[in-house]
Amino acid sequence: MTTRHEAQQTTNHDKIRKWAEARGGRPASVRGTEEGKEEAGVLRIAFTDDEDLETIEWDEFFDKFEEEHLAFLYQDKTADGGESRFFKLVERGEPKHGRGHGGEHGSHSRTRH
C-alpha cells in the first residue's frame, strides 16, 4: 500500500492539472528550449514567477508531455503531513525512483534532438 508521502506516478492529464493548480502551479516552458516551430520546450510547473520560465497553456503542456512520452511522478504530502510540491517529469516506463530531473519544485531537463 502506498502512503501519501510516497511518490506516485500518473499520465492522467486531469490528475496532473488538479495536483498543480491545488498548489498554485501553472504550466511553463523553459525559455529558449523550443526547437523549430514548437510552442513548448523543456516543461516545468511554475509555482513562483521565474524570468527563465514562460507560462504556457495546459493544451500546449500536454501536447509536449505526450510527444515526449512523459509520466508525472509526484508526492501529495510530505512525510510530516504537509502539502508537497515535489514532482518529476520522467520517461514513461521508468521506475518511481527513475532518472527524471526534479526537486522540491520539480523539473524536466532533458531534450530530444
N, C-alpha and C. Protein backbone atom coordinates (compact mmCIF):
# COMPACT_ATOMS: atom_id res chain seq x y z
N MET A 1 0.84 -1.19 0.00
CA MET A 1 0.00 0.00 0.00
C MET A 1 0.89 1.26 0.00
N THR A 2 0.55 2.21 -0.83
CA THR A 2 1.31 3.45 -0.93
C THR A 2 0.77 4.46 0.08
N THR A 3 1.68 5.05 0.85
CA THR A 3 1.26 6.12 1.75
C THR A 3 1.32 7.43 0.98
N ARG A 4 0.63 8.44 1.46
CA ARG A 4 0.50 9.69 0.72
C ARG A 4 1.81 10.46 0.59
N HIS A 5 2.84 10.11 1.39
CA HIS A 5 4.11 10.81 1.25
C HIS A 5 5.07 10.07 0.32
N GLU A 6 4.66 8.91 -0.18
CA GLU A 6 5.47 8.20 -1.16
C GLU A 6 5.12 8.71 -2.55
N ALA A 7 6.08 8.60 -3.46
CA ALA A 7 5.87 9.07 -4.83
C ALA A 7 4.86 8.19 -5.56
N GLN A 8 4.02 8.84 -6.34
CA GLN A 8 3.06 8.16 -7.20
C GLN A 8 3.34 8.61 -8.63
N GLN A 9 2.93 7.82 -9.60
CA GLN A 9 3.18 8.16 -11.00
C GLN A 9 1.86 8.11 -11.76
N THR A 10 1.67 9.09 -12.67
CA THR A 10 0.46 9.12 -13.48
C THR A 10 0.76 9.73 -14.84
N THR A 11 -0.11 9.44 -15.80
CA THR A 11 -0.12 10.12 -17.09
C THR A 11 -1.48 10.80 -17.31
N ASN A 12 -2.33 10.77 -16.30
CA ASN A 12 -3.67 11.33 -16.38
C ASN A 12 -3.61 12.86 -16.35
N HIS A 13 -4.01 13.48 -17.44
CA HIS A 13 -3.92 14.93 -17.57
C HIS A 13 -4.72 15.67 -16.50
N ASP A 14 -5.93 15.20 -16.23
CA ASP A 14 -6.77 15.87 -15.24
C ASP A 14 -6.13 15.80 -13.85
N LYS A 15 -5.59 14.65 -13.50
CA LYS A 15 -4.97 14.49 -12.19
C LYS A 15 -3.74 15.41 -12.06
N ILE A 16 -2.94 15.50 -13.11
CA ILE A 16 -1.75 16.36 -13.11
C ILE A 16 -2.16 17.82 -12.95
N ARG A 17 -3.13 18.24 -13.73
CA ARG A 17 -3.59 19.64 -13.68
C ARG A 17 -4.15 19.98 -12.31
N LYS A 18 -5.00 19.11 -11.76
CA LYS A 18 -5.59 19.36 -10.45
C LYS A 18 -4.52 19.42 -9.37
N TRP A 19 -3.53 18.51 -9.42
CA TRP A 19 -2.45 18.49 -8.44
C TRP A 19 -1.69 19.83 -8.48
N ALA A 20 -1.32 20.26 -9.69
CA ALA A 20 -0.56 21.51 -9.85
C ALA A 20 -1.36 22.72 -9.40
N GLU A 21 -2.58 22.85 -9.87
CA GLU A 21 -3.39 24.02 -9.56
C GLU A 21 -3.73 24.10 -8.08
N ALA A 22 -3.89 22.96 -7.41
CA ALA A 22 -4.17 22.96 -5.98
C ALA A 22 -3.01 23.55 -5.18
N ARG A 23 -1.82 23.55 -5.79
CA ARG A 23 -0.61 24.07 -5.13
C ARG A 23 -0.17 25.41 -5.71
N GLY A 24 -1.02 26.01 -6.53
CA GLY A 24 -0.70 27.30 -7.13
C GLY A 24 0.22 27.20 -8.33
N GLY A 25 0.36 26.00 -8.89
CA GLY A 25 1.25 25.80 -10.04
C GLY A 25 0.55 26.05 -11.36
N ARG A 26 1.35 26.39 -12.35
CA ARG A 26 0.83 26.60 -13.70
C ARG A 26 1.84 26.03 -14.70
N PRO A 27 1.38 25.62 -15.87
CA PRO A 27 2.28 25.02 -16.85
C PRO A 27 3.25 26.05 -17.41
N ALA A 28 4.48 25.61 -17.63
CA ALA A 28 5.50 26.53 -18.14
C ALA A 28 6.52 25.77 -18.99
N SER A 29 7.26 26.54 -19.74
CA SER A 29 8.35 26.02 -20.57
C SER A 29 9.58 26.87 -20.30
N VAL A 30 10.75 26.25 -20.32
CA VAL A 30 11.99 26.99 -20.12
C VAL A 30 12.25 27.80 -21.38
N ARG A 31 12.41 29.11 -21.22
CA ARG A 31 12.64 29.99 -22.37
C ARG A 31 13.87 29.54 -23.17
N GLY A 32 13.72 29.58 -24.49
CA GLY A 32 14.84 29.27 -25.37
C GLY A 32 15.10 27.80 -25.61
N THR A 33 14.23 26.91 -25.10
CA THR A 33 14.46 25.47 -25.30
C THR A 33 13.56 24.88 -26.39
N GLU A 34 12.74 25.72 -27.03
CA GLU A 34 11.90 25.24 -28.11
C GLU A 34 12.79 24.90 -29.31
N GLU A 35 12.35 23.93 -30.09
CA GLU A 35 13.07 23.58 -31.32
C GLU A 35 12.13 23.78 -32.50
N GLY A 36 12.62 24.42 -33.55
CA GLY A 36 11.81 24.63 -34.74
C GLY A 36 10.57 25.44 -34.43
N LYS A 37 9.42 24.90 -34.81
CA LYS A 37 8.15 25.60 -34.63
C LYS A 37 7.42 25.17 -33.35
N GLU A 38 8.12 24.49 -32.45
CA GLU A 38 7.50 24.06 -31.21
C GLU A 38 7.02 25.25 -30.40
N GLU A 39 5.88 25.08 -29.76
CA GLU A 39 5.38 26.12 -28.87
C GLU A 39 5.93 25.96 -27.47
N ALA A 40 6.33 24.73 -27.12
CA ALA A 40 6.85 24.47 -25.77
C ALA A 40 8.16 23.72 -25.89
N GLY A 41 9.10 24.12 -25.04
CA GLY A 41 10.37 23.43 -24.97
C GLY A 41 10.39 22.51 -23.77
N VAL A 42 11.40 22.65 -22.93
CA VAL A 42 11.52 21.84 -21.73
C VAL A 42 10.40 22.25 -20.76
N LEU A 43 9.63 21.27 -20.32
CA LEU A 43 8.46 21.53 -19.49
C LEU A 43 8.80 21.69 -18.01
N ARG A 44 8.02 22.53 -17.36
CA ARG A 44 8.09 22.74 -15.92
C ARG A 44 6.68 23.02 -15.42
N ILE A 45 6.52 22.96 -14.13
CA ILE A 45 5.34 23.53 -13.48
C ILE A 45 5.88 24.65 -12.61
N ALA A 46 5.40 25.85 -12.86
CA ALA A 46 5.90 27.04 -12.14
C ALA A 46 5.03 27.32 -10.94
N PHE A 47 5.67 27.42 -9.78
CA PHE A 47 4.96 27.77 -8.55
C PHE A 47 5.22 29.22 -8.15
N THR A 48 6.24 29.81 -8.74
CA THR A 48 6.59 31.21 -8.49
C THR A 48 6.93 31.85 -9.83
N ASP A 49 7.02 33.17 -9.84
CA ASP A 49 7.46 33.85 -11.06
C ASP A 49 8.95 33.59 -11.24
N ASP A 50 9.34 33.28 -12.46
CA ASP A 50 10.73 32.99 -12.78
C ASP A 50 10.97 33.50 -14.19
N GLU A 51 11.92 34.40 -14.35
CA GLU A 51 12.16 35.00 -15.67
C GLU A 51 12.65 33.99 -16.70
N ASP A 52 13.14 32.84 -16.25
CA ASP A 52 13.60 31.80 -17.18
C ASP A 52 12.45 30.93 -17.68
N LEU A 53 11.27 31.09 -17.09
CA LEU A 53 10.11 30.28 -17.48
C LEU A 53 9.07 31.13 -18.18
N GLU A 54 8.44 30.52 -19.17
CA GLU A 54 7.35 31.17 -19.89
C GLU A 54 6.09 30.36 -19.63
N THR A 55 5.06 31.03 -19.10
CA THR A 55 3.80 30.34 -18.86
C THR A 55 3.19 29.94 -20.20
N ILE A 56 2.69 28.71 -20.26
CA ILE A 56 2.04 28.21 -21.47
C ILE A 56 0.65 27.68 -21.09
N GLU A 57 -0.13 27.38 -22.08
CA GLU A 57 -1.47 26.82 -21.85
C GLU A 57 -1.34 25.34 -21.51
N TRP A 58 -2.33 24.82 -20.79
CA TRP A 58 -2.32 23.39 -20.45
C TRP A 58 -2.32 22.53 -21.72
N ASP A 59 -3.03 22.94 -22.76
CA ASP A 59 -3.06 22.15 -24.00
C ASP A 59 -1.66 22.01 -24.59
N GLU A 60 -0.89 23.11 -24.59
CA GLU A 60 0.49 23.06 -25.09
C GLU A 60 1.34 22.15 -24.21
N PHE A 61 1.18 22.27 -22.89
CA PHE A 61 1.93 21.45 -21.94
C PHE A 61 1.67 19.97 -22.22
N PHE A 62 0.40 19.60 -22.35
CA PHE A 62 0.08 18.18 -22.53
C PHE A 62 0.41 17.67 -23.93
N ASP A 63 0.37 18.55 -24.94
CA ASP A 63 0.84 18.13 -26.27
C ASP A 63 2.30 17.71 -26.20
N LYS A 64 3.12 18.53 -25.57
CA LYS A 64 4.55 18.23 -25.43
C LYS A 64 4.76 17.02 -24.50
N PHE A 65 3.99 16.93 -23.44
CA PHE A 65 4.03 15.81 -22.49
C PHE A 65 3.82 14.49 -23.23
N GLU A 66 2.84 14.44 -24.12
CA GLU A 66 2.55 13.22 -24.89
C GLU A 66 3.62 12.99 -25.95
N GLU A 67 4.03 14.05 -26.63
CA GLU A 67 5.06 13.93 -27.67
C GLU A 67 6.34 13.32 -27.11
N GLU A 68 6.69 13.70 -25.88
CA GLU A 68 7.91 13.22 -25.24
C GLU A 68 7.71 11.93 -24.45
N HIS A 69 6.49 11.41 -24.45
CA HIS A 69 6.16 10.15 -23.75
C HIS A 69 6.55 10.23 -22.27
N LEU A 70 6.08 11.31 -21.62
CA LEU A 70 6.42 11.54 -20.23
C LEU A 70 5.37 10.99 -19.28
N ALA A 71 5.78 10.81 -18.05
CA ALA A 71 4.90 10.49 -16.93
C ALA A 71 5.20 11.49 -15.83
N PHE A 72 4.23 11.69 -14.96
CA PHE A 72 4.33 12.66 -13.87
C PHE A 72 4.50 11.89 -12.56
N LEU A 73 5.65 12.04 -11.96
CA LEU A 73 5.97 11.44 -10.68
C LEU A 73 5.77 12.52 -9.63
N TYR A 74 4.94 12.25 -8.62
CA TYR A 74 4.59 13.32 -7.67
C TYR A 74 4.35 12.78 -6.27
N GLN A 75 4.27 13.70 -5.34
CA GLN A 75 4.01 13.38 -3.95
C GLN A 75 2.88 14.28 -3.47
N ASP A 76 1.86 13.70 -2.81
CA ASP A 76 0.76 14.50 -2.28
C ASP A 76 1.15 15.22 -1.00
N LYS A 77 1.77 14.50 -0.08
CA LYS A 77 2.10 15.03 1.23
C LYS A 77 3.55 14.75 1.56
N THR A 78 4.15 15.60 2.38
CA THR A 78 5.49 15.34 2.90
C THR A 78 5.37 14.29 4.00
N ALA A 79 6.48 13.75 4.44
CA ALA A 79 6.47 12.73 5.49
C ALA A 79 5.83 13.24 6.77
N ASP A 80 5.93 14.55 7.03
CA ASP A 80 5.32 15.10 8.25
C ASP A 80 3.87 15.55 8.04
N GLY A 81 3.30 15.25 6.87
CA GLY A 81 1.90 15.53 6.62
C GLY A 81 1.59 16.84 5.92
N GLY A 82 2.61 17.65 5.64
CA GLY A 82 2.40 18.91 4.93
C GLY A 82 2.17 18.70 3.44
N GLU A 83 1.61 19.70 2.79
CA GLU A 83 1.39 19.61 1.35
C GLU A 83 2.73 19.63 0.62
N SER A 84 2.91 18.72 -0.31
CA SER A 84 4.16 18.61 -1.04
C SER A 84 4.03 19.20 -2.44
N ARG A 85 5.10 19.83 -2.91
CA ARG A 85 5.20 20.29 -4.30
C ARG A 85 6.20 19.43 -5.07
N PHE A 86 6.65 18.35 -4.50
CA PHE A 86 7.63 17.50 -5.16
C PHE A 86 7.02 16.83 -6.39
N PHE A 87 7.72 16.97 -7.52
CA PHE A 87 7.35 16.24 -8.72
C PHE A 87 8.56 16.10 -9.63
N LYS A 88 8.48 15.16 -10.53
CA LYS A 88 9.46 14.99 -11.60
C LYS A 88 8.69 14.59 -12.85
N LEU A 89 9.18 15.03 -13.98
CA LEU A 89 8.69 14.55 -15.26
C LEU A 89 9.70 13.51 -15.73
N VAL A 90 9.24 12.28 -15.90
CA VAL A 90 10.11 11.17 -16.24
C VAL A 90 9.62 10.49 -17.50
N GLU A 91 10.50 9.73 -18.12
CA GLU A 91 10.09 8.94 -19.27
C GLU A 91 9.14 7.86 -18.81
N ARG A 92 8.12 7.59 -19.59
CA ARG A 92 7.17 6.53 -19.24
C ARG A 92 7.91 5.20 -19.16
N GLY A 93 7.51 4.42 -18.20
CA GLY A 93 8.13 3.11 -18.03
C GLY A 93 9.29 3.11 -17.05
N GLU A 94 9.75 4.30 -16.64
CA GLU A 94 10.82 4.36 -15.65
C GLU A 94 10.25 3.98 -14.29
N PRO A 95 11.05 3.33 -13.46
CA PRO A 95 10.59 3.05 -12.11
C PRO A 95 10.39 4.36 -11.35
N LYS A 96 9.66 4.30 -10.24
CA LYS A 96 9.34 5.50 -9.47
C LYS A 96 10.57 6.25 -8.98
N HIS A 97 11.70 5.59 -8.88
CA HIS A 97 12.93 6.27 -8.46
C HIS A 97 13.79 6.57 -9.69
N GLY A 98 13.12 6.73 -10.85
CA GLY A 98 13.77 6.88 -12.15
C GLY A 98 14.74 8.04 -12.28
N ARG A 99 15.20 8.22 -13.51
CA ARG A 99 16.25 9.19 -13.81
C ARG A 99 15.74 10.58 -14.09
N GLY A 100 14.47 10.82 -13.95
CA GLY A 100 13.93 12.16 -14.22
C GLY A 100 14.62 13.20 -13.35
N HIS A 101 14.53 14.42 -13.76
CA HIS A 101 15.17 15.51 -13.03
C HIS A 101 14.10 16.28 -12.29
N GLY A 102 14.39 16.68 -11.10
CA GLY A 102 13.40 17.43 -10.35
C GLY A 102 13.90 17.76 -8.98
N GLY A 103 13.02 18.14 -8.15
CA GLY A 103 13.36 18.50 -6.80
C GLY A 103 12.12 19.00 -6.11
N GLU A 104 12.28 19.83 -5.12
CA GLU A 104 11.12 20.33 -4.38
C GLU A 104 10.13 20.99 -5.33
N HIS A 105 10.61 21.68 -6.34
CA HIS A 105 9.70 22.32 -7.28
C HIS A 105 9.71 21.62 -8.62
N GLY A 106 10.43 20.51 -8.73
CA GLY A 106 10.40 19.65 -9.89
C GLY A 106 10.90 20.27 -11.18
N SER A 107 11.20 19.40 -12.11
CA SER A 107 11.63 19.87 -13.41
C SER A 107 11.77 18.71 -14.36
N HIS A 108 12.03 19.04 -15.57
CA HIS A 108 12.34 18.05 -16.60
C HIS A 108 13.40 18.72 -17.46
N SER A 109 14.61 18.22 -17.44
CA SER A 109 15.66 18.98 -18.12
C SER A 109 16.29 18.27 -19.31
N ARG A 110 15.70 17.19 -19.78
CA ARG A 110 16.29 16.57 -20.96
C ARG A 110 15.53 17.07 -22.19
N THR A 111 16.22 17.14 -23.30
CA THR A 111 15.56 17.47 -24.55
C THR A 111 15.92 16.39 -25.55
N ARG A 112 15.04 16.21 -26.51
CA ARG A 112 15.31 15.23 -27.58
C ARG A 112 15.78 15.98 -28.80
N HIS A 113 16.73 15.41 -29.48
CA HIS A 113 17.24 16.03 -30.71
C HIS A 113 17.00 15.12 -31.88
